């Protein structure tokens, strides 16, 4: 009888431990300030979805989560679904055997990073979490992001450079799944150019809906005020291979001119149609993204553009060249991280953007500017775009690099 009681007690303890594991995973993620958390255990695998928005960059928050999850005792296989604005972006699978070897001291953390699975195909993990309630939702939480902006242009003959420095505070809010709102104003600090650069004016004023279709497709639809004094509607869709190396993207919009300088508001009809299609490939051996695209620009000229971007952890350095209507243009760009590696979420979070991004255009004479060639716009700040680079080779490489420090 004692043996039966003992065996029953051991069995019940085992069941209790198994049931407790998803709770421990959820609580661990909550303690790390992750958002949009949902956890479920099925068939000896714990699937956990979460968003790393409290951490700067792509791989920092992922690495912190993995380091804390793989030390949980008796943890089974982990399937981690990484989210961005509550939409799935990346799936990471860490087998139970690999976790056990790490806990036993038979392998280091960098070996875990090398051997774990990582893919942009997320459909399997999404199905596992269907119907599971989310915790620590980001819905309705507001960020006040103060973007610095630098203008430096040499396409005029009456001075060597036009230059300006301004601050662009923006109220940003995550709404429902994939939806976001941005309201920005530009405040001049110093400028050597009269006109818009000396005026308080509107920046990005947009509503945006992102979506994910099956394993390999993403898209967005957005409307409002964009860069380069454009206002209208824009949309895009892109295909991403399972390893994230190949991308094919297309997009376009219909816009008009709109600006509010000081107290003067001017707006034209939405009749300018632009579009682009691009093919990109990430070369993991040199951490470089190569992209070629064909464009129809704002004022009807057509052209081609090639871009080369080298990734050094959170730093990006790139060059580009383009040809349109018989004229050429080239330039360079860079992106650097700004202070604040962790930005804990409050009801109102005041912060700098994660990155400062700058692009310099070396135009081929004044004719290029006078003919308004190659004119385009962006639907969100360039520094915000750099926070959405969900490339598995890039993430794995820098997870390993940071674990070796």
Protein backbone atom coordinates (compact mmCIF):
# COMPACT_ATOMS: atom_id res chain seq x y z
CA UNK A 1 0.00 0.00 0.00
CA UNK A 2 2.85 2.39 0.85
CA UNK A 3 4.40 1.69 -2.57
CA UNK A 4 1.14 2.57 -4.31
CA UNK A 5 0.83 5.79 -2.34
CA UNK A 6 4.44 6.71 -3.10
CA UNK A 7 4.05 5.99 -6.80
CA UNK A 8 0.84 8.01 -6.93
CA UNK A 9 2.54 10.94 -5.18
CA UNK A 10 5.46 10.86 -7.62
CA UNK A 11 3.05 10.72 -10.57
CA UNK A 12 0.98 13.64 -9.26
CA UNK A 13 4.13 15.68 -8.62
CA UNK A 14 5.24 15.02 -12.19
CA UNK A 15 1.88 16.13 -13.57
CA UNK A 16 1.97 19.27 -11.40
CA UNK A 17 5.49 20.08 -12.61
CA UNK A 18 4.47 19.69 -16.25
CA UNK A 19 1.47 21.95 -15.77
CA UNK A 20 3.64 24.51 -14.00
CA UNK A 21 6.16 24.84 -16.85
CA UNK A 22 4.03 27.03 -19.14
CA UNK A 23 3.25 29.23 -16.13
CA UNK A 24 6.97 29.57 -15.35
CA UNK A 25 7.72 30.48 -18.96
CA UNK A 26 4.96 33.09 -18.93
CA UNK A 27 6.10 34.56 -15.60
CA UNK A 28 9.73 34.67 -16.76
CA UNK A 29 8.78 36.61 -19.88
CA UNK A 30 6.64 38.96 -17.81
CA UNK A 31 9.54 39.64 -15.41
CA UNK A 32 11.70 40.50 -18.44
CA UNK A 33 9.13 43.14 -19.52
CA UNK A 34 8.12 41.30 -22.67
CA UNK A 35 4.72 42.17 -24.17
CA UNK A 36 1.84 40.38 -25.90
CA UNK A 37 2.74 37.12 -24.15
CA UNK A 38 0.88 33.88 -24.86
CA UNK A 39 2.08 30.41 -23.83
CA UNK A 40 0.75 26.88 -24.41
CA UNK A 41 2.15 23.34 -24.06
CA UNK A 42 1.24 20.63 -26.56
CA UNK A 43 2.95 17.33 -27.33
CA UNK A 44 6.08 17.92 -25.21
CA UNK A 45 6.64 21.38 -26.70
CA UNK A 46 6.05 24.75 -25.08
CA UNK A 47 5.13 27.41 -27.63
CA UNK A 48 5.56 30.97 -26.38
CA UNK A 49 4.82 34.17 -28.29
CA UNK A 50 6.14 37.51 -27.09
CA UNK A 51 7.30 40.95 -28.21
CA UNK A 52 10.66 42.44 -27.24
CA UNK A 53 9.63 46.10 -27.56
CA UNK A 54 11.27 47.07 -24.24
CA UNK A 55 14.70 46.30 -25.74
CA UNK A 56 16.57 48.24 -28.42
CA UNK A 57 17.17 46.44 -31.67
CA UNK A 58 16.23 42.99 -32.92
CA UNK A 59 18.55 40.48 -31.26
CA UNK A 60 19.08 42.00 -27.79
CA UNK A 61 15.65 41.13 -26.42
CA UNK A 62 15.66 37.71 -28.09
CA UNK A 63 19.00 36.83 -26.48
CA UNK A 64 17.84 37.94 -23.03
CA UNK A 65 14.68 35.83 -23.31
CA UNK A 66 16.55 32.70 -24.43
CA UNK A 67 19.18 33.02 -21.68
CA UNK A 68 16.47 33.06 -19.01
CA UNK A 69 14.21 30.40 -20.51
CA UNK A 70 16.85 27.69 -21.07
CA UNK A 71 17.78 27.61 -17.38
CA UNK A 72 14.26 26.63 -16.25
CA UNK A 73 14.54 23.06 -14.82
CA UNK A 74 12.84 20.20 -16.69
CA UNK A 75 11.89 22.47 -19.56
CA UNK A 76 10.76 20.63 -22.72
CA UNK A 77 11.36 21.73 -26.31
CA UNK A 78 10.82 25.49 -26.70
CA UNK A 79 9.16 27.02 -29.74
CA UNK A 80 9.45 30.81 -29.53
CA UNK A 81 7.31 33.05 -31.72
CA UNK A 82 8.79 36.56 -31.91
CA UNK A 83 6.26 39.32 -32.55
CA UNK A 84 6.38 42.87 -33.84
CA UNK A 85 3.26 44.98 -33.21
CA UNK A 86 1.55 41.70 -32.24
CA UNK A 87 2.31 40.14 -35.68
CA UNK A 88 4.53 37.02 -35.99
CA UNK A 89 7.95 37.63 -37.50
CA UNK A 90 10.27 34.81 -36.50
CA UNK A 91 10.07 31.27 -35.09
CA UNK A 92 12.91 29.83 -32.98
CA UNK A 93 12.98 26.16 -31.94
CA UNK A 94 15.28 24.92 -29.16
CA UNK A 95 15.10 21.10 -28.73
CA UNK A 96 14.83 19.69 -25.19
CA UNK A 97 18.05 17.68 -25.71
CA UNK A 98 19.99 20.86 -26.48
CA UNK A 99 18.57 22.58 -23.39
CA UNK A 100 19.51 19.60 -21.22
CA UNK A 101 23.09 19.63 -22.55
CA UNK A 102 23.34 23.35 -21.76
CA UNK A 103 21.97 22.87 -18.23
CA UNK A 104 24.42 19.99 -17.65
CA UNK A 105 27.34 22.19 -18.72
CA UNK A 106 28.05 20.06 -21.80
CA UNK A 107 27.75 23.01 -24.19
CA UNK A 108 27.97 26.79 -23.99
CA UNK A 109 25.29 29.33 -24.82
CA UNK A 110 26.85 30.08 -28.21
CA UNK A 111 26.36 26.38 -29.11
CA UNK A 112 22.67 26.73 -28.27
CA UNK A 113 22.45 29.69 -30.64
CA UNK A 114 24.27 27.79 -33.40
CA UNK A 115 22.11 24.64 -33.21
CA UNK A 116 18.65 26.06 -32.51
CA UNK A 117 16.25 26.34 -35.44
CA UNK A 118 15.32 29.78 -36.75
CA UNK A 119 12.98 30.63 -39.63
CA UNK A 120 10.65 33.31 -40.90
CA UNK A 121 8.00 30.59 -41.40
CA UNK A 122 5.68 31.03 -38.43
CA UNK A 123 2.42 29.32 -39.41
CA UNK A 124 2.97 26.16 -37.32
CA UNK A 125 3.60 28.12 -34.11
CA UNK A 126 0.65 30.43 -34.82
CA UNK A 127 -1.67 27.41 -35.09
CA UNK A 128 -0.44 26.09 -31.74
CA UNK A 129 -1.36 29.38 -30.06
CA UNK A 130 -4.78 29.77 -31.64
CA UNK A 131 -7.34 30.67 -28.98
CA UNK A 132 -4.71 31.26 -26.25
CA UNK A 133 -5.26 34.51 -24.35
CA UNK A 134 -2.53 37.16 -24.52
CA UNK A 135 -1.07 38.79 -21.42
CA UNK A 136 0.75 42.11 -21.02
CA UNK A 137 -0.96 43.56 -24.10
CA UNK A 138 0.60 46.59 -25.76
CA UNK A 139 -2.81 47.88 -26.85
CA UNK A 140 -3.33 51.55 -26.07
CA UNK A 141 0.13 52.14 -24.59
CA UNK A 142 1.65 55.40 -25.79
CA UNK A 143 5.22 56.37 -26.64
CA UNK A 144 6.49 59.95 -27.02
CA UNK A 145 9.51 59.48 -29.29
CA UNK A 146 11.79 62.48 -29.89
CA UNK A 147 13.42 62.00 -33.31
CA UNK A 148 16.48 64.13 -34.18
CA UNK A 149 16.65 65.13 -37.86
CA UNK A 150 19.54 66.56 -39.89
CA UNK A 151 19.22 68.08 -43.38
CA UNK A 152 22.37 68.50 -45.50
CA UNK A 153 22.00 69.25 -49.23
CA UNK A 154 24.39 70.71 -51.84
CA UNK A 155 22.11 71.13 -54.90
CA UNK A 156 22.09 74.95 -54.94
CA UNK A 157 24.54 77.46 -56.39
CA UNK A 158 24.08 80.33 -53.94
CA UNK A 159 25.70 78.52 -50.98
CA UNK A 160 27.94 75.54 -50.37
CA UNK A 161 25.36 73.58 -48.35
CA UNK A 162 21.82 73.90 -47.12
CA UNK A 163 21.78 72.61 -43.57
CA UNK A 164 19.26 72.32 -40.75
CA UNK A 165 18.85 70.57 -37.42
CA UNK A 166 15.43 69.91 -35.92
CA UNK A 167 13.65 67.81 -33.33
CA UNK A 168 10.61 65.80 -34.39
CA UNK A 169 8.63 64.56 -31.37
CA UNK A 170 6.02 61.94 -32.27
CA UNK A 171 3.18 60.37 -30.33
CA UNK A 172 3.08 56.68 -31.30
CA UNK A 173 0.51 54.12 -30.24
CA UNK A 174 -0.08 50.43 -30.92
CA UNK A 175 -3.74 49.73 -31.53
CA UNK A 176 -5.14 46.32 -32.41
CA UNK A 177 -3.09 43.56 -34.04
CA UNK A 178 -0.82 45.08 -36.68
CA UNK A 179 -2.29 48.58 -36.38
CA UNK A 180 -0.41 51.69 -35.28
CA UNK A 181 -0.87 55.44 -35.11
CA UNK A 182 1.85 58.11 -35.42
CA UNK A 183 1.40 61.89 -34.97
CA UNK A 184 4.55 63.97 -35.38
CA UNK A 185 5.53 67.62 -35.48
CA UNK A 186 8.86 69.15 -36.62
CA UNK A 187 10.48 71.80 -34.42
CA UNK A 188 13.38 73.79 -35.96
CA UNK A 189 16.53 74.16 -33.87
CA UNK A 190 19.02 75.79 -36.24
CA UNK A 191 19.03 76.35 -40.01
CA UNK A 192 20.83 78.36 -42.72
CA UNK A 193 17.82 78.10 -45.07
CA UNK A 194 14.62 80.14 -45.03
CA UNK A 195 11.20 78.63 -45.68
CA UNK A 196 10.02 75.30 -44.31
CA UNK A 197 13.17 74.65 -42.29
CA UNK A 198 12.46 77.70 -40.11
CA UNK A 199 8.82 76.79 -39.49
CA UNK A 200 7.03 74.54 -37.07
CA UNK A 201 5.34 72.02 -39.36
CA UNK A 202 3.67 68.64 -39.46
CA UNK A 203 5.77 65.49 -39.77
CA UNK A 204 4.44 61.96 -40.18
CA UNK A 205 0.71 61.87 -39.38
CA UNK A 206 -0.27 58.32 -40.28
CA UNK A 207 -2.50 55.38 -39.53
CA UNK A 208 -0.94 52.07 -40.57
CA UNK A 209 -2.20 48.49 -40.75
CA UNK A 210 0.38 45.72 -41.19
CA UNK A 211 -0.62 42.14 -41.92
CA UNK A 212 0.92 38.70 -42.30
CA UNK A 213 -0.29 36.20 -44.90
CA UNK A 214 0.66 32.53 -44.33
CA UNK A 215 4.37 31.72 -44.02
CA UNK A 216 6.10 33.94 -46.52
CA UNK A 217 4.08 37.08 -47.18
CA UNK A 218 3.80 40.41 -45.38
CA UNK A 219 2.09 43.63 -46.32
CA UNK A 220 0.88 47.02 -45.14
CA UNK A 221 -1.64 49.74 -45.92
CA UNK A 222 -1.15 53.28 -44.64
CA UNK A 223 -2.63 56.72 -45.09
CA UNK A 224 -1.86 60.26 -43.96
CA UNK A 225 1.06 62.68 -44.23
CA UNK A 226 4.43 61.22 -45.25
CA UNK A 227 7.91 62.64 -45.78
CA UNK A 228 8.81 65.11 -48.53
CA UNK A 229 5.52 66.99 -48.01
CA UNK A 230 3.40 64.18 -49.47
CA UNK A 231 -0.07 63.21 -48.33
CA UNK A 232 -2.15 60.27 -49.52
CA UNK A 233 -2.39 56.48 -49.45
CA UNK A 234 0.35 53.88 -49.81
CA UNK A 235 0.51 50.09 -49.71
CA UNK A 236 3.09 47.35 -50.07
CA UNK A 237 3.50 43.59 -50.06
CA UNK A 238 6.57 41.38 -49.83
CA UNK A 239 7.68 37.75 -50.13
CA UNK A 240 10.35 36.39 -47.76
CA UNK A 241 12.06 33.01 -48.10
CA UNK A 242 12.07 30.66 -45.08
CA UNK A 243 15.71 31.51 -44.28
CA UNK A 244 15.01 35.22 -44.84
CA UNK A 245 17.79 35.65 -47.40
CA UNK A 246 15.67 36.27 -50.49
CA UNK A 247 13.04 39.03 -50.55
CA UNK A 248 10.78 40.29 -53.32
CA UNK A 249 8.85 43.43 -52.44
CA UNK A 250 6.51 45.78 -54.22
CA UNK A 251 4.68 48.92 -53.24
CA UNK A 252 3.24 52.18 -54.37
CA UNK A 253 0.89 55.00 -53.58
CA UNK A 254 -1.19 57.89 -54.74
CA UNK A 255 -0.34 61.24 -53.18
CA UNK A 256 -0.58 64.99 -53.46
CA UNK A 257 1.53 67.82 -52.08
CA UNK A 258 0.55 69.00 -48.62
CA UNK A 259 2.31 71.22 -46.13
CA UNK A 260 1.65 73.41 -43.14
CA UNK A 261 4.43 75.96 -42.62
CA UNK A 262 3.76 78.29 -39.72
CA UNK A 263 0.13 79.30 -40.24
CA UNK A 264 -0.08 78.57 -43.99
CA UNK A 265 -1.75 75.35 -45.16
CA UNK A 266 -1.48 74.23 -48.79
CA UNK A 267 -2.68 70.97 -50.35
CA UNK A 268 -3.01 69.64 -53.90
CA UNK A 269 -5.14 66.84 -55.33
CA UNK A 270 -4.00 63.26 -54.86
CA UNK A 271 -3.01 62.51 -58.45
CA UNK A 272 0.68 61.54 -58.37
CA UNK A 273 1.12 57.77 -58.67
CA UNK A 274 4.41 56.14 -57.74
CA UNK A 275 5.52 52.53 -57.37
CA UNK A 276 8.50 50.25 -56.97
CA UNK A 277 9.47 46.58 -57.09
CA UNK A 278 12.68 45.23 -55.58
CA UNK A 279 14.66 42.02 -55.16
CA UNK A 280 17.03 41.62 -52.23
CA UNK A 281 19.50 39.03 -51.03
CA UNK A 282 21.25 38.88 -47.66
CA UNK A 283 24.81 37.49 -47.86
CA UNK A 284 25.44 35.93 -44.41
CA UNK A 285 29.20 35.45 -44.96
CA UNK A 286 29.72 39.22 -45.00
CA UNK A 287 26.52 40.39 -43.21
CA UNK A 288 25.53 42.43 -46.24
CA UNK A 289 22.17 43.10 -47.87
CA UNK A 290 22.16 43.64 -51.65
CA UNK A 291 19.02 45.12 -53.19
CA UNK A 292 18.07 46.09 -56.75
CA UNK A 293 14.84 47.92 -57.51
CA UNK A 294 12.93 49.54 -60.34
CA UNK A 295 10.92 52.69 -59.58
CA UNK A 296 8.32 55.02 -60.94
CA UNK A 297 8.96 58.21 -58.97
CA UNK A 298 6.54 60.92 -57.83
CA UNK A 299 6.75 63.08 -60.97
CA UNK A 300 6.52 60.26 -63.51
CA UNK A 301 10.19 59.51 -64.24
CA UNK A 302 11.34 55.90 -64.20
CA UNK A 303 14.63 54.60 -62.88
CA UNK A 304 16.66 51.81 -61.32
CA UNK A 305 18.47 51.79 -58.01
CA UNK A 306 21.04 49.51 -56.39
CA UNK A 307 21.78 49.46 -52.66
CA UNK A 308 24.52 47.77 -50.63
CA UNK A 309 24.08 47.74 -46.82
CA UNK A 310 26.67 46.29 -44.42
CA UNK A 311 25.52 45.33 -40.90
CA UNK A 312 27.90 45.71 -37.95
CA UNK A 313 25.70 44.60 -35.07
CA UNK A 314 23.36 47.53 -34.44
CA UNK A 315 25.31 49.76 -36.83
CA UNK A 316 24.51 49.94 -40.55
CA UNK A 317 26.61 51.53 -43.31
CA UNK A 318 25.34 51.62 -46.89
CA UNK A 319 25.91 53.05 -50.34
CA UNK A 320 23.55 53.39 -53.28
CA UNK A 321 23.46 54.44 -56.92
CA UNK A 322 20.54 55.20 -59.22
CA UNK A 323 19.77 56.13 -62.81
CA UNK A 324 16.63 57.92 -63.99
CA UNK A 325 15.74 59.79 -67.20
CA UNK A 326 19.36 60.11 -68.31
CA UNK A 327 20.63 61.41 -64.97
CA UNK A 328 22.50 59.64 -62.19
CA UNK A 329 22.59 59.98 -58.45
CA UNK A 330 24.50 58.26 -55.67
CA UNK A 331 25.00 58.56 -51.97
CA UNK A 332 25.67 56.88 -48.68
CA UNK A 333 23.71 56.28 -45.50
CA UNK A 334 24.33 55.08 -41.99
CA UNK A 335 22.39 54.14 -38.88
CA UNK A 336 23.70 54.22 -35.32
CA UNK A 337 22.07 53.15 -32.03
CA UNK A 338 21.01 55.87 -29.62
CA UNK A 339 21.26 55.68 -25.80
CA UNK A 340 18.79 53.48 -23.98
CA UNK A 341 19.33 49.75 -24.51
CA UNK A 342 16.20 49.01 -22.48
CA UNK A 343 13.11 51.24 -22.50
CA UNK A 344 10.65 49.87 -19.96
CA UNK A 345 7.04 50.50 -20.93
CA UNK A 346 4.84 52.75 -18.82
CA UNK A 347 1.47 54.30 -19.55
CA UNK A 348 3.47 57.03 -21.33
CA UNK A 349 7.03 56.17 -22.33
CA UNK A 350 9.24 59.14 -23.27
CA UNK A 351 12.34 58.16 -25.22
CA UNK A 352 14.69 58.70 -28.13
CA UNK A 353 14.21 56.45 -31.16
CA UNK A 354 16.23 53.24 -31.16
CA UNK A 355 18.45 54.53 -33.99
CA UNK A 356 19.55 57.70 -35.73
CA UNK A 357 19.59 57.27 -39.52
CA UNK A 358 21.04 59.67 -42.09
CA UNK A 359 21.34 59.62 -45.89
CA UNK A 360 23.46 61.93 -48.04
CA UNK A 361 22.71 62.35 -51.76
CA UNK A 362 25.62 63.21 -54.09
CA UNK A 363 23.62 64.53 -57.05
CA UNK A 364 25.05 64.86 -60.57
CA UNK A 365 24.76 68.62 -60.95
CA UNK A 366 21.90 71.01 -60.31
CA UNK A 367 19.82 69.73 -63.24
CA UNK A 368 18.87 66.62 -61.28
CA UNK A 369 17.20 68.72 -58.58
CA UNK A 370 15.73 71.29 -60.99
CA UNK A 371 13.93 68.55 -62.97
CA UNK A 372 12.69 66.92 -59.71
CA UNK A 373 14.12 63.56 -60.77
CA UNK A 374 14.11 60.55 -58.47
CA UNK A 375 11.73 62.14 -55.99
CA UNK A 376 10.13 59.71 -53.53
CA UNK A 377 8.89 59.61 -49.97
CA UNK A 378 8.90 57.31 -46.96
CA UNK A 379 5.84 56.33 -44.92
CA UNK A 380 7.71 56.11 -41.61
CA UNK A 381 10.99 57.49 -40.21
CA UNK A 382 14.04 55.70 -41.57
CA UNK A 383 15.22 55.01 -38.03
CA UNK A 384 11.95 53.15 -37.39
CA UNK A 385 12.50 50.95 -40.46
CA UNK A 386 15.82 49.75 -39.00
CA UNK A 387 13.97 48.22 -36.05
CA UNK A 388 12.18 45.68 -38.28
CA UNK A 389 15.07 43.70 -39.84
CA UNK A 390 13.96 40.13 -39.02
CA UNK A 391 16.75 38.29 -40.83
CA UNK A 392 17.64 34.91 -39.19
CA UNK A 393 21.33 34.80 -40.26
CA UNK A 394 21.91 38.33 -38.98
CA UNK A 395 20.18 37.60 -35.66
CA UNK A 396 21.97 34.28 -35.11
CA UNK A 397 25.41 35.75 -35.94
CA UNK A 398 25.10 38.61 -33.46
CA UNK A 399 23.53 36.44 -30.76
CA UNK A 400 26.67 34.30 -30.96
CA UNK A 401 28.94 37.37 -31.01
CA UNK A 402 27.30 38.88 -27.92
CA UNK A 403 27.44 35.54 -26.03
CA UNK A 404 31.21 35.37 -26.57
CA UNK A 405 31.90 38.72 -24.89
